[in-house]
Amino acid sequence: MKKVEFAIIERFALGILIGFSYLPEDEHTDFTELNIYVVFIVLHFKFYNNADT
């Protein structure tokens, strides 16, 4: 089973943000990140590919 982290982050100092970013796993990291930007809030997801992490 994959481990998943979730966080809600406020970004009032940066201003209005709309969109998303996707950071795939590479040779240095064992996780994938997805950030969804909704006005002043970021929904942050981190999916670990190794359940023992």
PDB file of N, CA and C in Angstrom:
ATOM      1  N   MET A   1       0.844  -1.186   0.000  1.00  0.00           N
ATOM      2  CA  MET A   1       0.000   0.000   0.000  1.00  0.00           C
ATOM      3  C   MET A   1       0.888   1.248   0.000  1.00  0.00           C
ATOM      4  N   LYS A   2       0.527   2.213  -0.784  1.00  0.00           N
ATOM      5  CA  LYS A   2       1.296   3.450  -0.857  1.00  0.00           C
ATOM      6  C   LYS A   2       0.956   4.370   0.299  1.00  0.00           C
ATOM      7  N   LYS A   3       1.961   5.076   0.764  1.00  0.00           N
ATOM      8  CA  LYS A   3       1.760   6.084   1.797  1.00  0.00           C
ATOM      9  C   LYS A   3       1.462   7.414   1.116  1.00  0.00           C
ATOM     10  N   VAL A   4       0.516   8.158   1.665  1.00  0.00           N
ATOM     11  CA  VAL A   4       0.119   9.451   1.106  1.00  0.00           C
ATOM     12  C   VAL A   4       0.155  10.497   2.210  1.00  0.00           C
ATOM     13  N   GLU A   5       0.757  11.641   1.927  1.00  0.00           N
ATOM     14  CA  GLU A   5       0.708  12.785   2.835  1.00  0.00           C
ATOM     15  C   GLU A   5      -0.172  13.850   2.194  1.00  0.00           C
ATOM     16  N   PHE A   6      -0.912  14.572   3.037  1.00  0.00           N
ATOM     17  CA  PHE A   6      -1.777  15.636   2.552  1.00  0.00           C
ATOM     18  C   PHE A   6      -1.625  16.833   3.464  1.00  0.00           C
ATOM     19  N   ALA A   7      -1.566  18.028   2.878  1.00  0.00           N
ATOM     20  CA  ALA A   7      -1.483  19.254   3.670  1.00  0.00           C
ATOM     21  C   ALA A   7      -2.252  20.356   2.962  1.00  0.00           C
ATOM     22  N   ILE A   8      -2.799  21.262   3.766  1.00  0.00           N
ATOM     23  CA  ILE A   8      -3.427  22.478   3.246  1.00  0.00           C
ATOM     24  C   ILE A   8      -2.529  23.632   3.677  1.00  0.00           C
ATOM     25  N   ILE A   9      -2.076  24.417   2.718  1.00  0.00           N
ATOM     26  CA  ILE A   9      -1.106  25.487   2.977  1.00  0.00           C
ATOM     27  C   ILE A   9      -1.716  26.816   2.547  1.00  0.00           C
ATOM     28  N   GLU A  10      -1.596  27.827   3.388  1.00  0.00           N
ATOM     29  CA  GLU A  10      -2.077  29.161   3.011  1.00  0.00           C
ATOM     30  C   GLU A  10      -0.933  29.927   2.353  1.00  0.00           C
ATOM     31  N   ARG A  11      -1.261  30.710   1.331  1.00  0.00           N
ATOM     32  CA  ARG A  11      -0.263  31.470   0.580  1.00  0.00           C
ATOM     33  C   ARG A  11      -0.706  32.915   0.376  1.00  0.00           C
ATOM     34  N   PHE A  12      -1.199  33.551   1.421  1.00  0.00           N
ATOM     35  CA  PHE A  12      -1.656  34.934   1.314  1.00  0.00           C
ATOM     36  C   PHE A  12      -0.518  35.880   0.936  1.00  0.00           C
ATOM     37  N   ALA A  13       0.697  35.609   1.366  1.00  0.00           N
ATOM     38  CA  ALA A  13       1.839  36.483   1.076  1.00  0.00           C
ATOM     39  C   ALA A  13       2.217  36.480  -0.411  1.00  0.00           C
ATOM     40  N   LEU A  14       1.888  35.403  -1.127  1.00  0.00           N
ATOM     41  CA  LEU A  14       2.245  35.303  -2.547  1.00  0.00           C
ATOM     42  C   LEU A  14       1.213  35.930  -3.474  1.00  0.00           C
ATOM     43  N   GLY A  15      -0.017  36.084  -3.007  1.00  0.00           N
ATOM     44  CA  GLY A  15      -1.071  36.603  -3.871  1.00  0.00           C
ATOM     45  C   GLY A  15      -1.913  35.476  -4.427  1.00  0.00           C
ATOM     46  N   ILE A  16      -2.745  35.805  -5.395  1.00  0.00           N
ATOM     47  CA  ILE A  16      -3.683  34.839  -5.965  1.00  0.00           C
ATOM     48  C   ILE A  16      -2.935  33.853  -6.858  1.00  0.00           C
ATOM     49  N   LEU A  17      -3.162  32.555  -6.617  1.00  0.00           N
ATOM     50  CA  LEU A  17      -2.564  31.480  -7.406  1.00  0.00           C
ATOM     51  C   LEU A  17      -3.671  30.567  -7.908  1.00  0.00           C
ATOM     52  N   ILE A  18      -3.614  30.211  -9.181  1.00  0.00           N
ATOM     53  CA  ILE A  18      -4.558  29.247  -9.754  1.00  0.00           C
ATOM     54  C   ILE A  18      -3.763  28.331 -10.675  1.00  0.00           C
ATOM     55  N   GLY A  19      -3.920  27.020 -10.474  1.00  0.00           N
ATOM     56  CA  GLY A  19      -3.214  26.058 -11.315  1.00  0.00           C
ATOM     57  C   GLY A  19      -2.765  24.862 -10.504  1.00  0.00           C
ATOM     58  N   PHE A  20      -1.744  24.173 -11.034  1.00  0.00           N
ATOM     59  CA  PHE A  20      -1.217  23.003 -10.344  1.00  0.00           C
ATOM     60  C   PHE A  20       0.237  22.796 -10.738  1.00  0.00           C
ATOM     61  N   SER A  21       0.936  22.016  -9.944  1.00  0.00           N
ATOM     62  CA  SER A  21       2.284  21.571 -10.292  1.00  0.00           C
ATOM     63  C   SER A  21       2.378  20.085  -9.986  1.00  0.00           C
ATOM     64  N   TYR A  22       3.093  19.370 -10.836  1.00  0.00           N
ATOM     65  CA  TYR A  22       3.280  17.931 -10.688  1.00  0.00           C
ATOM     66  C   TYR A  22       4.776  17.657 -10.744  1.00  0.00           C
ATOM     67  N   LEU A  23       5.295  17.020  -9.713  1.00  0.00           N
ATOM     68  CA  LEU A  23       6.711  16.696  -9.641  1.00  0.00           C
ATOM     69  C   LEU A  23       6.853  15.175  -9.581  1.00  0.00           C
ATOM     70  N   PRO A  24       7.233  14.543 -10.687  1.00  0.00           N
ATOM     71  CA  PRO A  24       7.317  13.081 -10.705  1.00  0.00           C
ATOM     72  C   PRO A  24       8.539  12.567  -9.943  1.00  0.00           C
ATOM     73  N   GLU A  25       8.513  11.289  -9.641  1.00  0.00           N
ATOM     74  CA  GLU A  25       9.646  10.623  -9.000  1.00  0.00           C
ATOM     75  C   GLU A  25      10.857  10.688  -9.933  1.00  0.00           C
ATOM     76  N   ASP A  26      12.038  10.835  -9.353  1.00  0.00           N
ATOM     77  CA  ASP A  26      13.266  10.775 -10.149  1.00  0.00           C
ATOM     78  C   ASP A  26      14.282   9.908  -9.414  1.00  0.00           C
ATOM     79  N   GLU A  27      15.531   9.923  -9.863  1.00  0.00           N
ATOM     80  CA  GLU A  27      16.545   9.055  -9.257  1.00  0.00           C
ATOM     81  C   GLU A  27      16.935   9.485  -7.842  1.00  0.00           C
ATOM     82  N   HIS A  28      16.586  10.698  -7.420  1.00  0.00           N
ATOM     83  CA  HIS A  28      16.945  11.193  -6.090  1.00  0.00           C
ATOM     84  C   HIS A  28      15.796  11.121  -5.089  1.00  0.00           C
ATOM     85  N   THR A  29      14.572  11.017  -5.550  1.00  0.00           N
ATOM     86  CA  THR A  29      13.420  10.988  -4.656  1.00  0.00           C
ATOM     87  C   THR A  29      12.584   9.737  -4.890  1.00  0.00           C
ATOM     88  N   ASP A  30      11.935   9.279  -3.838  1.00  0.00           N
ATOM     89  CA  ASP A  30      11.084   8.090  -3.924  1.00  0.00           C
ATOM     90  C   ASP A  30       9.615   8.477  -3.746  1.00  0.00           C
ATOM     91  N   PHE A  31       9.251   9.668  -4.212  1.00  0.00           N
ATOM     92  CA  PHE A  31       7.874  10.117  -4.078  1.00  0.00           C
ATOM     93  C   PHE A  31       7.500  11.007  -5.263  1.00  0.00           C
ATOM     94  N   THR A  32       6.198  11.175  -5.418  1.00  0.00           N
ATOM     95  CA  THR A  32       5.618  12.053  -6.426  1.00  0.00           C
ATOM     96  C   THR A  32       4.813  13.114  -5.690  1.00  0.00           C
ATOM     97  N   GLU A  33       4.886  14.366  -6.154  1.00  0.00           N
ATOM     98  CA  GLU A  33       4.145  15.450  -5.509  1.00  0.00           C
ATOM     99  C   GLU A  33       3.142  16.054  -6.477  1.00  0.00           C
ATOM    100  N   LEU A  34       1.999  16.436  -5.936  1.00  0.00           N
ATOM    101  CA  LEU A  34       0.979  17.164  -6.679  1.00  0.00           C
ATOM    102  C   LEU A  34       0.523  18.325  -5.818  1.00  0.00           C
ATOM    103  N   ASN A  35       0.623  19.533  -6.342  1.00  0.00           N
ATOM    104  CA  ASN A  35       0.164  20.735  -5.659  1.00  0.00           C
ATOM    105  C   ASN A  35      -0.930  21.370  -6.506  1.00  0.00           C
ATOM    106  N   ILE A  36      -2.062  21.635  -5.878  1.00  0.00           N
ATOM    107  CA  ILE A  36      -3.184  22.275  -6.567  1.00  0.00           C
ATOM    108  C   ILE A  36      -3.385  23.639  -5.919  1.00  0.00           C
ATOM    109  N   TYR A  37      -3.243  24.690  -6.715  1.00  0.00           N
ATOM    110  CA  TYR A  37      -3.328  26.065  -6.226  1.00  0.00           C
ATOM    111  C   TYR A  37      -4.731  26.614  -6.484  1.00  0.00           C
ATOM    112  N   VAL A  38      -5.419  26.976  -5.402  1.00  0.00           N
ATOM    113  CA  VAL A  38      -6.790  27.484  -5.483  1.00  0.00           C
ATOM    114  C   VAL A  38      -6.836  28.818  -4.733  1.00  0.00           C
ATOM    115  N   VAL A  39      -6.652  29.908  -5.452  1.00  0.00           N
ATOM    116  CA  VAL A  39      -6.664  31.279  -4.946  1.00  0.00           C
ATOM    117  C   VAL A  39      -5.567  31.451  -3.893  1.00  0.00           C
ATOM    118  N   PHE A  40      -5.876  31.430  -2.597  1.00  0.00           N
ATOM    119  CA  PHE A  40      -4.876  31.615  -1.548  1.00  0.00           C
ATOM    120  C   PHE A  40      -4.522  30.317  -0.816  1.00  0.00           C
ATOM    121  N   ILE A  41      -5.010  29.192  -1.300  1.00  0.00           N
ATOM    122  CA  ILE A  41      -4.830  27.903  -0.641  1.00  0.00           C
ATOM    123  C   ILE A  41      -4.099  26.948  -1.589  1.00  0.00           C
ATOM    124  N   VAL A  42      -3.206  26.131  -1.026  1.00  0.00           N
ATOM    125  CA  VAL A  42      -2.539  25.074  -1.792  1.00  0.00           C
ATOM    126  C   VAL A  42      -2.932  23.738  -1.174  1.00  0.00           C
ATOM    127  N   LEU A  43      -3.412  22.833  -2.000  1.00  0.00           N
ATOM    128  CA  LEU A  43      -3.666  21.456  -1.583  1.00  0.00           C
ATOM    129  C   LEU A  43      -2.448  20.650  -2.002  1.00  0.00           C
ATOM    130  N   HIS A  44      -1.710  20.160  -1.037  1.00  0.00           N
ATOM    131  CA  HIS A  44      -0.428  19.498  -1.283  1.00  0.00           C
ATOM    132  C   HIS A  44      -0.573  17.998  -1.034  1.00  0.00           C
ATOM    133  N   PHE A  45      -0.266  17.188  -2.050  1.00  0.00           N
ATOM    134  CA  PHE A  45      -0.304  15.736  -1.945  1.00  0.00           C
ATOM    135  C   PHE A  45       1.089  15.196  -2.225  1.00  0.00           C
ATOM    136  N   LYS A  46       1.528  14.245  -1.404  1.00  0.00           N
ATOM    137  CA  LYS A  46       2.800  13.568  -1.643  1.00  0.00           C
ATOM    138  C   LYS A  46       2.538  12.070  -1.593  1.00  0.00           C
ATOM    139  N   PHE A  47       2.851  11.378  -2.690  1.00  0.00           N
ATOM    140  CA  PHE A  47       2.622   9.945  -2.813  1.00  0.00           C
ATOM    141  C   PHE A  47       3.964   9.225  -2.778  1.00  0.00           C
ATOM    142  N   TYR A  48       4.184   8.429  -1.730  1.00  0.00           N
ATOM    143  CA  TYR A  48       5.425   7.675  -1.615  1.00  0.00           C
ATOM    144  C   TYR A  48       5.291   6.363  -2.373  1.00  0.00           C
ATOM    145  N   ASN A  49       6.325   5.984  -3.098  1.00  0.00           N
ATOM    146  CA  ASN A  49       6.288   4.762  -3.885  1.00  0.00           C
ATOM    147  C   ASN A  49       6.765   3.545  -3.097  1.00  0.00           C
ATOM    148  N   ASN A  50       7.367   3.776  -1.934  1.00  0.00           N
ATOM    149  CA  ASN A  50       7.795   2.707  -1.064  1.00  0.00           C
ATOM    150  C   ASN A  50       7.039   2.861   0.256  1.00  0.00           C
ATOM    151  N   ALA A  51       6.224   1.881   0.619  1.00  0.00           N
ATOM    152  CA  ALA A  51       5.379   2.002   1.804  1.00  0.00           C
ATOM    153  C   ALA A  51       6.170   2.069   3.099  1.00  0.00           C
ATOM    154  N   ASP A  52       7.435   1.654   3.097  1.00  0.00           N
ATOM    155  CA  ASP A  52       8.269   1.669   4.291  1.00  0.00           C
ATOM    156  C   ASP A  52       8.866   3.033   4.571  1.00  0.00           C
ATOM    157  N   THR A  53       8.609   4.033   3.727  1.00  0.00           N
ATOM    158  CA  THR A  53       9.206   5.356   3.888  1.00  0.00           C
ATOM    159  C   THR A  53       8.596   6.088   5.053  1.00  0.00           C
TER     160      THR A  53
END
